[in-house]
Structure formats: structure tokens, C-alpha cells
PDB file of N, CA and C in Angstrom:
ATOM      1  N   UNK A   1      -0.720  11.616  -0.155  1.00  0.00           N
ATOM      2  CA  UNK A   1      -0.582  10.199   0.037  1.00  0.00           C
ATOM      3  C   UNK A   1      -0.156   9.578  -1.280  1.00  0.00           C
ATOM      4  N   UNK A   2       0.755   8.655  -1.170  1.00  0.00           N
ATOM      5  CA  UNK A   2       1.206   7.910  -2.347  1.00  0.00           C
ATOM      6  C   UNK A   2       1.101   6.427  -2.034  1.00  0.00           C
ATOM      7  N   UNK A   3       0.654   5.655  -3.016  1.00  0.00           N
ATOM      8  CA  UNK A   3       0.584   4.212  -2.823  1.00  0.00           C
ATOM      9  C   UNK A   3       1.153   3.506  -4.044  1.00  0.00           C
ATOM     10  N   UNK A   4       1.679   2.338  -3.796  1.00  0.00           N
ATOM     11  CA  UNK A   4       2.065   1.411  -4.854  1.00  0.00           C
ATOM     12  C   UNK A   4       1.210   0.174  -4.640  1.00  0.00           C
ATOM     13  N   UNK A   5       0.510  -0.249  -5.688  1.00  0.00           N
ATOM     14  CA  UNK A   5      -0.334  -1.437  -5.616  1.00  0.00           C
ATOM     15  C   UNK A   5       0.416  -2.568  -6.302  1.00  0.00           C
ATOM     16  N   UNK A   6       0.639  -3.652  -5.559  1.00  0.00           N
ATOM     17  CA  UNK A   6       1.405  -4.784  -6.075  1.00  0.00           C
ATOM     18  C   UNK A   6       0.589  -6.061  -5.911  1.00  0.00           C
ATOM     19  N   UNK A   7       0.384  -6.795  -7.008  1.00  0.00           N
ATOM     20  CA  UNK A   7      -0.286  -8.093  -6.912  1.00  0.00           C
ATOM     21  C   UNK A   7       0.709  -9.112  -6.366  1.00  0.00           C
ATOM     22  N   UNK A   8       0.200 -10.034  -5.528  1.00  0.00           N
ATOM     23  CA  UNK A   8       1.071 -11.046  -4.930  1.00  0.00           C
ATOM     24  C   UNK A   8       0.344 -12.386  -4.850  1.00  0.00           C
ATOM     25  N   UNK A   9       1.094 -13.470  -5.040  1.00  0.00           N
ATOM     26  CA  UNK A   9       0.541 -14.812  -4.854  1.00  0.00           C
ATOM     27  C   UNK A   9       0.339 -15.085  -3.367  1.00  0.00           C
ATOM     28  N   UNK A  10       1.226 -14.521  -2.534  1.00  0.00           N
ATOM     29  CA  UNK A  10       1.127 -14.586  -1.079  1.00  0.00           C
ATOM     30  C   UNK A  10       2.171 -13.643  -0.511  1.00  0.00           C
ATOM     31  N   UNK A  11       2.045 -13.322   0.759  1.00  0.00           N
ATOM     32  CA  UNK A  11       3.015 -12.433   1.399  1.00  0.00           C
ATOM     33  C   UNK A  11       2.991 -12.655   2.906  1.00  0.00           C
ATOM     34  N   UNK A  12       4.141 -12.483   3.528  1.00  0.00           N
ATOM     35  CA  UNK A  12       4.238 -12.570   4.983  1.00  0.00           C
ATOM     36  C   UNK A  12       5.049 -11.395   5.496  1.00  0.00           C
ATOM     37  N   UNK A  13       4.750 -10.991   6.717  1.00  0.00           N
ATOM     38  CA  UNK A  13       5.530  -9.976   7.409  1.00  0.00           C
ATOM     39  C   UNK A  13       6.071 -10.647   8.663  1.00  0.00           C
ATOM     40  N   UNK A  14       7.390 -10.635   8.802  1.00  0.00           N
ATOM     41  CA  UNK A  14       8.053 -11.283   9.934  1.00  0.00           C
ATOM     42  C   UNK A  14       8.743 -10.231  10.790  1.00  0.00           C
ATOM     43  N   UNK A  15       8.844 -10.509  12.081  1.00  0.00           N
ATOM     44  CA  UNK A  15       9.578  -9.620  12.981  1.00  0.00           C
ATOM     45  C   UNK A  15      11.072  -9.884  12.837  1.00  0.00           C
ATOM     46  N   UNK A  16      11.866  -9.047  13.471  1.00  0.00           N
ATOM     47  CA  UNK A  16      13.325  -9.209  13.407  1.00  0.00           C
ATOM     48  C   UNK A  16      13.769 -10.548  14.004  1.00  0.00           C
ATOM     49  N   UNK A  17      12.997 -11.097  14.941  1.00  0.00           N
ATOM     50  CA  UNK A  17      13.356 -12.386  15.542  1.00  0.00           C
ATOM     51  C   UNK A  17      12.534 -13.534  14.945  1.00  0.00           C
ATOM     52  N   UNK A  18      12.144 -13.374  13.681  1.00  0.00           N
ATOM     53  CA  UNK A  18      11.466 -14.403  12.890  1.00  0.00           C
ATOM     54  C   UNK A  18      10.104 -14.836  13.413  1.00  0.00           C
ATOM     55  N   UNK A  19       9.404 -13.946  14.085  1.00  0.00           N
ATOM     56  CA  UNK A  19       8.032 -14.227  14.509  1.00  0.00           C
ATOM     57  C   UNK A  19       7.087 -13.715  13.417  1.00  0.00           C
ATOM     58  N   UNK A  20       6.092 -14.520  13.084  1.00  0.00           N
ATOM     59  CA  UNK A  20       5.120 -14.121  12.076  1.00  0.00           C
ATOM     60  C   UNK A  20       4.245 -12.996  12.617  1.00  0.00           C
ATOM     61  N   UNK A  21       4.205 -11.886  11.887  1.00  0.00           N
ATOM     62  CA  UNK A  21       3.351 -10.765  12.275  1.00  0.00           C
ATOM     63  C   UNK A  21       2.003 -10.896  11.580  1.00  0.00           C
ATOM     64  N   UNK A  22       2.033 -11.100  10.266  1.00  0.00           N
ATOM     65  CA  UNK A  22       0.799 -11.304   9.504  1.00  0.00           C
ATOM     66  C   UNK A  22       1.143 -11.982   8.183  1.00  0.00           C
ATOM     67  N   UNK A  23       0.131 -12.518   7.539  1.00  0.00           N
ATOM     68  CA  UNK A  23       0.325 -13.183   6.248  1.00  0.00           C
ATOM     69  C   UNK A  23      -0.969 -13.093   5.450  1.00  0.00           C
ATOM     70  N   UNK A  24      -0.820 -13.105   4.135  1.00  0.00           N
ATOM     71  CA  UNK A  24      -1.980 -13.148   3.248  1.00  0.00           C
ATOM     72  C   UNK A  24      -1.749 -14.215   2.190  1.00  0.00           C
ATOM     73  N   UNK A  25      -2.841 -14.671   1.609  1.00  0.00           N
ATOM     74  CA  UNK A  25      -2.768 -15.519   0.431  1.00  0.00           C
ATOM     75  C   UNK A  25      -2.700 -14.613  -0.787  1.00  0.00           C
ATOM     76  N   UNK A  26      -3.263 -15.055  -1.883  1.00  0.00           N
ATOM     77  CA  UNK A  26      -3.266 -14.236  -3.098  1.00  0.00           C
ATOM     78  C   UNK A  26      -4.013 -12.936  -2.844  1.00  0.00           C
ATOM     79  N   UNK A  27      -3.466 -11.846  -3.365  1.00  0.00           N
ATOM     80  CA  UNK A  27      -4.118 -10.557  -3.183  1.00  0.00           C
ATOM     81  C   UNK A  27      -3.214  -9.398  -3.532  1.00  0.00           C
ATOM     82  N   UNK A  28      -3.414  -8.297  -2.829  1.00  0.00           N
ATOM     83  CA  UNK A  28      -2.674  -7.066  -3.099  1.00  0.00           C
ATOM     84  C   UNK A  28      -1.842  -6.657  -1.893  1.00  0.00           C
ATOM     85  N   UNK A  29      -0.628  -6.216  -2.176  1.00  0.00           N
ATOM     86  CA  UNK A  29       0.184  -5.528  -1.179  1.00  0.00           C
ATOM     87  C   UNK A  29       0.071  -4.049  -1.524  1.00  0.00           C
ATOM     88  N   UNK A  30      -0.340  -3.253  -0.553  1.00  0.00           N
ATOM     89  CA  UNK A  30      -0.477  -1.812  -0.753  1.00  0.00           C
ATOM     90  C   UNK A  30       0.611  -1.132   0.060  1.00  0.00           C
ATOM     91  N   UNK A  31       1.605  -0.597  -0.624  1.00  0.00           N
ATOM     92  CA  UNK A  31       2.683   0.157   0.023  1.00  0.00           C
ATOM     93  C   UNK A  31       2.191   1.594   0.159  1.00  0.00           C
ATOM     94  N   UNK A  32       2.099   2.095   1.383  1.00  0.00           N
ATOM     95  CA  UNK A  32       1.486   3.396   1.653  1.00  0.00           C
ATOM     96  C   UNK A  32       2.511   4.375   2.206  1.00  0.00           C
ATOM     97  N   UNK A  33       2.622   5.524   1.551  1.00  0.00           N
ATOM     98  CA  UNK A  33       3.447   6.618   2.050  1.00  0.00           C
ATOM     99  C   UNK A  33       2.549   7.806   2.330  1.00  0.00           C
ATOM    100  N   UNK A  34       2.625   8.313   3.540  1.00  0.00           N
ATOM    101  CA  UNK A  34       1.773   9.447   3.911  1.00  0.00           C
ATOM    102  C   UNK A  34       2.623  10.686   4.139  1.00  0.00           C
ATOM    103  N   UNK A  35       2.081  11.819   3.717  1.00  0.00           N
ATOM    104  CA  UNK A  35       2.783  13.087   3.909  1.00  0.00           C
ATOM    105  C   UNK A  35       2.198  13.824   5.107  1.00  0.00           C
ATOM    106  N   UNK A  36       2.885  14.851   5.510  1.00  0.00           N
ATOM    107  CA  UNK A  36       2.417  15.682   6.627  1.00  0.00           C
ATOM    108  C   UNK A  36       1.105  16.388   6.294  1.00  0.00           C
ATOM    109  N   UNK A  37       0.811  16.569   5.020  1.00  0.00           N
ATOM    110  CA  UNK A  37      -0.384  17.305   4.594  1.00  0.00           C
ATOM    111  C   UNK A  37      -1.621  16.426   4.419  1.00  0.00           C
ATOM    112  N   UNK A  38      -1.468  15.112   4.507  1.00  0.00           N
ATOM    113  CA  UNK A  38      -2.605  14.219   4.285  1.00  0.00           C
ATOM    114  C   UNK A  38      -3.661  14.366   5.375  1.00  0.00           C
ATOM    115  N   UNK A  39      -4.905  14.302   4.951  1.00  0.00           N
ATOM    116  CA  UNK A  39      -6.066  14.411   5.841  1.00  0.00           C
ATOM    117  C   UNK A  39      -6.884  13.123   5.759  1.00  0.00           C
ATOM    118  N   UNK A  40      -7.861  12.997   6.624  1.00  0.00           N
ATOM    119  CA  UNK A  40      -8.738  11.826   6.618  1.00  0.00           C
ATOM    120  C   UNK A  40      -9.419  11.660   5.260  1.00  0.00           C
ATOM    121  N   UNK A  41      -9.774  12.749   4.611  1.00  0.00           N
ATOM    122  CA  UNK A  41     -10.411  12.674   3.287  1.00  0.00           C
ATOM    123  C   UNK A  41      -9.487  12.011   2.266  1.00  0.00           C
ATOM    124  N   UNK A  42      -8.176  12.233   2.383  1.00  0.00           N
ATOM    125  CA  UNK A  42      -7.213  11.598   1.477  1.00  0.00           C
ATOM    126  C   UNK A  42      -7.181  10.089   1.711  1.00  0.00           C
ATOM    127  N   UNK A  43      -7.218   9.696   2.968  1.00  0.00           N
ATOM    128  CA  UNK A  43      -7.224   8.270   3.305  1.00  0.00           C
ATOM    129  C   UNK A  43      -8.500   7.623   2.774  1.00  0.00           C
ATOM    130  N   UNK A  44      -9.642   8.255   3.015  1.00  0.00           N
ATOM    131  CA  UNK A  44     -10.921   7.718   2.547  1.00  0.00           C
ATOM    132  C   UNK A  44     -10.939   7.565   1.028  1.00  0.00           C
ATOM    133  N   UNK A  45     -10.421   8.571   0.318  1.00  0.00           N
ATOM    134  CA  UNK A  45     -10.360   8.515  -1.142  1.00  0.00           C
ATOM    135  C   UNK A  45      -9.504   7.336  -1.600  1.00  0.00           C
ATOM    136  N   UNK A  46      -8.337   7.156  -0.989  1.00  0.00           N
ATOM    137  CA  UNK A  46      -7.431   6.097  -1.419  1.00  0.00           C
ATOM    138  C   UNK A  46      -8.001   4.712  -1.114  1.00  0.00           C
ATOM    139  N   UNK A  47      -8.644   4.550   0.027  1.00  0.00           N
ATOM    140  CA  UNK A  47      -9.273   3.268   0.355  1.00  0.00           C
ATOM    141  C   UNK A  47     -10.328   2.929  -0.693  1.00  0.00           C
ATOM    142  N   UNK A  48     -11.177   3.880  -1.012  1.00  0.00           N
ATOM    143  CA  UNK A  48     -12.217   3.661  -2.023  1.00  0.00           C
ATOM    144  C   UNK A  48     -11.590   3.333  -3.377  1.00  0.00           C
ATOM    145  N   UNK A  49     -10.537   4.046  -3.733  1.00  0.00           N
ATOM    146  CA  UNK A  49      -9.857   3.822  -5.013  1.00  0.00           C
ATOM    147  C   UNK A  49      -9.273   2.407  -5.085  1.00  0.00           C
ATOM    148  N   UNK A  50      -8.578   1.990  -4.039  1.00  0.00           N
ATOM    149  CA  UNK A  50      -7.954   0.658  -4.036  1.00  0.00           C
ATOM    150  C   UNK A  50      -9.021  -0.432  -4.096  1.00  0.00           C
ATOM    151  N   UNK A  51     -10.081  -0.303  -3.313  1.00  0.00           N
ATOM    152  CA  UNK A  51     -11.124  -1.329  -3.286  1.00  0.00           C
ATOM    153  C   UNK A  51     -11.897  -1.416  -4.597  1.00  0.00           C
ATOM    154  N   UNK A  52     -11.943  -0.331  -5.359  1.00  0.00           N
ATOM    155  CA  UNK A  52     -12.680  -0.319  -6.627  1.00  0.00           C
ATOM    156  C   UNK A  52     -11.785  -0.416  -7.861  1.00  0.00           C
ATOM    157  N   UNK A  53     -10.484  -0.569  -7.664  1.00  0.00           N
ATOM    158  CA  UNK A  53      -9.522  -0.625  -8.758  1.00  0.00           C
ATOM    159  C   UNK A  53      -9.639  -1.969  -9.471  1.00  0.00           C
ATOM    160  N   UNK A  54      -9.956  -1.946 -10.748  1.00  0.00           N
ATOM    161  CA  UNK A  54     -10.160  -3.178 -11.514  1.00  0.00           C
ATOM    162  C   UNK A  54      -8.817  -3.679 -12.048  1.00  0.00           C
ATOM    163  N   UNK A  55      -8.209  -4.554 -11.276  1.00  0.00           N
ATOM    164  CA  UNK A  55      -6.867  -5.039 -11.577  1.00  0.00           C
ATOM    165  C   UNK A  55      -6.854  -6.532 -11.921  1.00  0.00           C
ATOM    166  N   UNK A  56      -8.012  -7.186 -11.805  1.00  0.00           N
ATOM    167  CA  UNK A  56      -8.102  -8.626 -12.054  1.00  0.00           C
ATOM    168  C   UNK A  56      -8.909  -8.920 -13.308  1.00  0.00           C
ATOM    169  N   UNK A  57      -8.570 -10.040 -13.948  1.00  0.00           N
ATOM    170  CA  UNK A  57      -9.279 -10.500 -15.140  1.00  0.00           C
ATOM    171  C   UNK A  57     -10.445 -11.385 -14.726  1.00  0.00           C
ATOM    172  N   UNK A  58     -11.592 -11.162 -15.354  1.00  0.00           N
ATOM    173  CA  UNK A  58     -12.724 -12.072 -15.149  1.00  0.00           C
ATOM    174  C   UNK A  58     -12.531 -13.283 -16.052  1.00  0.00           C
ATOM    175  N   UNK A  59     -12.185 -13.021 -17.303  1.00  0.00           N
ATOM    176  CA  UNK A  59     -11.861 -14.057 -18.277  1.00  0.00           C
ATOM    177  C   UNK A  59     -11.131 -13.378 -19.428  1.00  0.00           C
ATOM    178  N   UNK A  60     -10.780 -14.134 -20.452  1.00  0.00           N
ATOM    179  CA  UNK A  60     -10.009 -13.591 -21.575  1.00  0.00           C
ATOM    180  C   UNK A  60     -10.745 -12.461 -22.305  1.00  0.00           C
ATOM    181  N   UNK A  61     -12.054 -12.523 -22.323  1.00  0.00           N
ATOM    182  CA  UNK A  61     -12.836 -11.503 -23.027  1.00  0.00           C
ATOM    183  C   UNK A  61     -13.076 -10.257 -22.178  1.00  0.00           C
ATOM    184  N   UNK A  62     -12.829 -10.360 -20.886  1.00  0.00           N
ATOM    185  CA  UNK A  62     -13.076  -9.241 -19.976  1.00  0.00           C
ATOM    186  C   UNK A  62     -11.854  -8.947 -19.106  1.00  0.00           C
ATOM    187  N   UNK A  63     -10.758  -8.496 -19.729  1.00  0.00           N
ATOM    188  CA  UNK A  63      -9.583  -8.182 -18.916  1.00  0.00           C
ATOM    189  C   UNK A  63      -9.830  -6.938 -18.067  1.00  0.00           C
ATOM    190  N   UNK A  64      -9.149  -6.894 -16.949  1.00  0.00           N
ATOM    191  CA  UNK A  64      -9.217  -5.739 -16.057  1.00  0.00           C
ATOM    192  C   UNK A  64     -10.666  -5.392 -15.712  1.00  0.00           C
ATOM    193  N   UNK A  65     -11.418  -6.391 -15.279  1.00  0.00           N
ATOM    194  CA  UNK A  65     -12.837  -6.167 -15.023  1.00  0.00           C
ATOM    195  C   UNK A  65     -13.277  -6.489 -13.598  1.00  0.00           C
ATOM    196  N   UNK A  66     -12.365  -6.975 -12.752  1.00  0.00           N
ATOM    197  CA  UNK A  66     -12.745  -7.337 -11.386  1.00  0.00           C
ATOM    198  C   UNK A  66     -11.858  -6.631 -10.364  1.00  0.00           C
ATOM    199  N   UNK A  67     -12.467  -6.295  -9.236  1.00  0.00           N
ATOM    200  CA  UNK A  67     -11.729  -5.679  -8.131  1.00  0.00           C
ATOM    201  C   UNK A  67     -11.196  -6.763  -7.197  1.00  0.00           C
ATOM    202  N   UNK A  68     -10.367  -6.371  -6.256  1.00  0.00           N
ATOM    203  CA  UNK A  68      -9.854  -7.312  -5.260  1.00  0.00           C
ATOM    204  C   UNK A  68     -11.002  -7.865  -4.416  1.00  0.00           C
ATOM    205  N   UNK A  69     -12.003  -7.052  -4.156  1.00  0.00           N
ATOM    206  CA  UNK A  69     -13.163  -7.500  -3.380  1.00  0.00           C
ATOM    207  C   UNK A  69     -13.951  -8.540  -4.173  1.00  0.00           C
ATOM    208  N   UNK A  70     -14.209  -8.261  -5.447  1.00  0.00           N
ATOM    209  CA  UNK A  70     -14.944  -9.199  -6.299  1.00  0.00           C
ATOM    210  C   UNK A  70     -14.170 -10.498  -6.499  1.00  0.00           C
ATOM    211  N   UNK A  71     -12.858 -10.427  -6.433  1.00  0.00           N
ATOM    212  CA  UNK A  71     -12.015 -11.607  -6.598  1.00  0.00           C
ATOM    213  C   UNK A  71     -11.837 -12.363  -5.290  1.00  0.00           C
ATOM    214  N   UNK A  72     -12.359 -11.810  -4.189  1.00  0.00           N
ATOM    215  CA  UNK A  72     -12.273 -12.419  -2.860  1.00  0.00           C
ATOM    216  C   UNK A  72     -10.818 -12.726  -2.482  1.00  0.00           C
ATOM    217  N   UNK A  73      -9.946 -11.756  -2.752  1.00  0.00           N
ATOM    218  CA  UNK A  73      -8.540 -11.918  -2.407  1.00  0.00           C
ATOM    219  C   UNK A  73      -8.185 -11.008  -1.241  1.00  0.00           C
ATOM    220  N   UNK A  74      -6.987 -11.179  -0.719  1.00  0.00           N
ATOM    221  CA  UNK A  74      -6.544 -10.479   0.484  1.00  0.00           C
ATOM    222  C   UNK A  74      -5.881  -9.145   0.163  1.00  0.00           C
ATOM    223  N   UNK A  75      -5.786  -8.301   1.182  1.00  0.00           N
ATOM    224  CA  UNK A  75      -5.078  -7.025   1.079  1.00  0.00           C
ATOM    225  C   UNK A  75      -4.152  -6.894   2.280  1.00  0.00           C
ATOM    226  N   UNK A  76      -2.908  -6.530   2.008  1.00  0.00           N
ATOM    227  CA  UNK A  76      -1.923  -6.257   3.053  1.00  0.00           C
ATOM    228  C   UNK A  76      -1.415  -4.836   2.848  1.00  0.00           C
ATOM    229  N   UNK A  77      -1.609  -3.975   3.838  1.00  0.00           N
ATOM    230  CA  UNK A  77      -1.126  -2.590   3.764  1.00  0.00           C
ATOM    231  C   UNK A  77       0.146  -2.457   4.583  1.00  0.00           C
ATOM    232  N   UNK A  78       1.170  -1.888   3.968  1.00  0.00           N
ATOM    233  CA  UNK A  78       2.455  -1.695   4.630  1.00  0.00           C
ATOM    234  C   UNK A  78       2.900  -0.248   4.499  1.00  0.00           C
ATOM    235  N   UNK A  79       3.410   0.293   5.575  1.00  0.00           N
ATOM    236  CA  UNK A  79       3.931   1.655   5.567  1.00  0.00           C
ATOM    237  C   UNK A  79       5.244   1.696   4.793  1.00  0.00           C
ATOM    238  N   UNK A  80       5.405   2.707   3.953  1.00  0.00           N
ATOM    239  CA  UNK A  80       6.635   2.856   3.167  1.00  0.00           C
ATOM    240  C   UNK A  80       7.031   4.323   3.126  1.00  0.00           C
ATOM    241  N   UNK A  81       7.818   4.735   4.110  1.00  0.00           N
ATOM    242  CA  UNK A  81       8.216   6.134   4.257  1.00  0.00           C
ATOM    243  C   UNK A  81       9.023   6.629   3.057  1.00  0.00           C
ATOM    244  N   UNK A  82       9.710   5.741   2.370  1.00  0.00           N
ATOM    245  CA  UNK A  82      10.548   6.178   1.251  1.00  0.00           C
ATOM    246  C   UNK A  82       9.739   6.711   0.070  1.00  0.00           C
ATOM    247  N   UNK A  83       8.426   6.496   0.051  1.00  0.00           N
ATOM    248  CA  UNK A  83       7.608   7.076  -1.017  1.00  0.00           C
ATOM    249  C   UNK A  83       7.587   8.593  -0.935  1.00  0.00           C
ATOM    250  N   UNK A  84       7.963   9.152   0.219  1.00  0.00           N
ATOM    251  CA  UNK A  84       8.048  10.605   0.369  1.00  0.00           C
ATOM    252  C   UNK A  84       9.473  11.069   0.630  1.00  0.00           C
ATOM    253  N   UNK A  85      10.444  10.281   0.239  1.00  0.00           N
ATOM    254  CA  UNK A  85      11.830  10.725   0.409  1.00  0.00           C
ATOM    255  C   UNK A  85      12.282  11.504  -0.823  1.00  0.00           C
ATOM    256  N   UNK A  86      13.281  12.316  -0.624  1.00  0.00           N
ATOM    257  CA  UNK A  86      13.914  13.021  -1.736  1.00  0.00           C
ATOM    258  C   UNK A  86      15.376  13.195  -1.363  1.00  0.00           C
ATOM    259  N   UNK A  87      16.205  13.400  -2.358  1.00  0.00           N
ATOM    260  CA  UNK A  87      17.608  13.648  -2.025  1.00  0.00           C
ATOM    261  C   UNK A  87      17.993  15.092  -2.294  1.00  0.00           C
ATOM    262  N   UNK A  88      17.211  15.791  -3.075  1.00  0.00           N
ATOM    263  CA  UNK A  88      17.426  17.218  -3.343  1.00  0.00           C
ATOM    264  C   UNK A  88      18.906  17.554  -3.523  1.00  0.00           C
ATOM    265  N   UNK A  89      19.620  16.715  -4.272  1.00  0.00           N
ATOM    266  CA  UNK A  89      21.026  16.964  -4.560  1.00  0.00           C
ATOM    267  C   UNK A  89      21.967  16.607  -3.429  1.00  0.00           C
ATOM    268  N   UNK A  90      21.441  15.987  -2.385  1.00  0.00           N
ATOM    269  CA  UNK A  90      22.262  15.611  -1.229  1.00  0.00           C
ATOM    270  C   UNK A  90      22.765  14.185  -1.395  1.00  0.00           C
ATOM    271  N   UNK A  91      23.625  13.775  -0.471  1.00  0.00           N
ATOM    272  CA  UNK A  91      24.183  12.427  -0.501  1.00  0.00           C
ATOM    273  C   UNK A  91      23.359  11.413   0.277  1.00  0.00           C
ATOM    274  N   UNK A  92      22.266  11.845   0.891  1.00  0.00           N
ATOM    275  CA  UNK A  92      21.435  10.926   1.663  1.00  0.00           C
ATOM    276  C   UNK A  92      19.968  11.326   1.494  1.00  0.00           C
ATOM    277  N   UNK A  93      19.054  10.369   1.710  1.00  0.00           N
ATOM    278  CA  UNK A  93      17.635  10.695   1.542  1.00  0.00           C
ATOM    279  C   UNK A  93      17.139  11.613   2.654  1.00  0.00           C
ATOM    280  N   UNK A  94      16.190  12.466   2.292  1.00  0.00           N
ATOM    281  CA  UNK A  94      15.545  13.360   3.252  1.00  0.00           C
ATOM    282  C   UNK A  94      14.072  12.971   3.349  1.00  0.00           C
ATOM    283  N   UNK A  95      13.528  13.012   4.551  1.00  0.00           N
ATOM    284  CA  UNK A  95      12.147  12.591   4.763  1.00  0.00           C
ATOM    285  C   UNK A  95      11.294  13.711   5.346  1.00  0.00           C
ATOM    286  N   UNK A  96      11.635  14.957   5.072  1.00  0.00           N
ATOM    287  CA  UNK A  96      10.920  16.077   5.675  1.00  0.00           C
ATOM    288  C   UNK A  96       9.464  16.187   5.220  1.00  0.00           C
ATOM    289  N   UNK A  97       9.097  15.591   4.093  1.00  0.00           N
ATOM    290  CA  UNK A  97       7.702  15.625   3.635  1.00  0.00           C
ATOM    291  C   UNK A  97       6.872  14.459   4.167  1.00  0.00           C
ATOM    292  N   UNK A  98       7.545  13.434   4.705  1.00  0.00           N
ATOM    293  CA  UNK A  98       6.831  12.261   5.212  1.00  0.00           C
ATOM    294  C   UNK A  98       6.199  12.576   6.565  1.00  0.00           C
ATOM    295  N   UNK A  99       5.108  11.882   6.845  1.00  0.00           N
ATOM    296  CA  UNK A  99       4.433  12.062   8.131  1.00  0.00           C
ATOM    297  C   UNK A  99       5.337  11.537   9.247  1.00  0.00           C
ATOM    298  N   UNK A 100       5.263  12.139  10.433  1.00  0.00           N
ATOM    299  CA  UNK A 100       6.095  11.676  11.548  1.00  0.00           C
ATOM    300  C   UNK A 100       5.554  10.346  12.085  1.00  0.00           C
ATOM    301  N   UNK A 101       6.403   9.621  12.785  1.00  0.00           N
ATOM    302  CA  UNK A 101       6.088   8.270  13.242  1.00  0.00           C
ATOM    303  C   UNK A 101       4.838   8.216  14.111  1.00  0.00           C
ATOM    304  N   UNK A 102       4.725   9.096  15.072  1.00  0.00           N
ATOM    305  CA  UNK A 102       3.574   9.064  15.983  1.00  0.00           C
ATOM    306  C   UNK A 102       2.262   9.324  15.251  1.00  0.00           C
ATOM    307  N   UNK A 103       2.249  10.259  14.335  1.00  0.00           N
ATOM    308  CA  UNK A 103       1.023  10.568  13.591  1.00  0.00           C
ATOM    309  C   UNK A 103       0.634   9.442  12.642  1.00  0.00           C
ATOM    310  N   UNK A 104       1.603   8.649  12.212  1.00  0.00           N
ATOM    311  CA  UNK A 104       1.343   7.582  11.251  1.00  0.00           C
ATOM    312  C   UNK A 104       0.796   6.317  11.901  1.00  0.00           C
ATOM    313  N   UNK A 105       0.908   6.198  13.199  1.00  0.00           N
ATOM    314  CA  UNK A 105       0.435   4.980  13.876  1.00  0.00           C
ATOM    315  C   UNK A 105      -1.069   4.826  13.718  1.00  0.00           C
ATOM    316  N   UNK A 106      -1.479   3.582  13.511  1.00  0.00           N
ATOM    317  CA  UNK A 106      -2.912   3.275  13.369  1.00  0.00           C
ATOM    318  C   UNK A 106      -3.468   2.889  14.717  1.00  0.00           C
TER     319      UNK A 106
END
């Protein structure tokens, strides 16, 4: 499993026909790429890691001392298959290491 953690002032996810799917205020966008080899233990580890990751400042004297939970901010998780893409010298990306669509559904 690979993730990118991105701080955001706000974020929205819209459908192709401009319908709001979900939105968050200030918080984290978690871009998640899963491989075919990932197990439930990998998911549990990453959830714990993200929730306990000290990415927020409490004050000037205590940088990087608060978690997203302690900061009472939002979390938006988005699937990102390209985190497991490779080109292996080819002219187009290959996704053979990424989890298949059906297995990735929540």
C-alpha cells in the first residue's frame, strides 16, 4: 500500500455531471494506492499511521505536535491507482501491480 498525505484548506469530489459526491473542510486528503499483495493488516497499519501522524502545529514552540484527530479536522480518502503504475521502459503506464477494481471496492 502506498499513500500520499496532503493537507488541504478544503476539498470536494464532483461527479462527471457536476453532482457533489463529498466535501471536507480543512483537513487531509489521503491518496491511496493498493497493490495485489496488500492484506487487511496493511490497511489497519496505514489507518493507525495516518490517524497518529503529527502533521499539525500546536503553536510556534511545538511544531509538528498534533494529529488530524487532535486538530478536529476532516479526512478524505481517494483511490489513486497510479501510485502503483510503472512504465518499465514502455510508452504507456502499466498497472499490473495495482489491485483490481472489484477487490478495491469498499
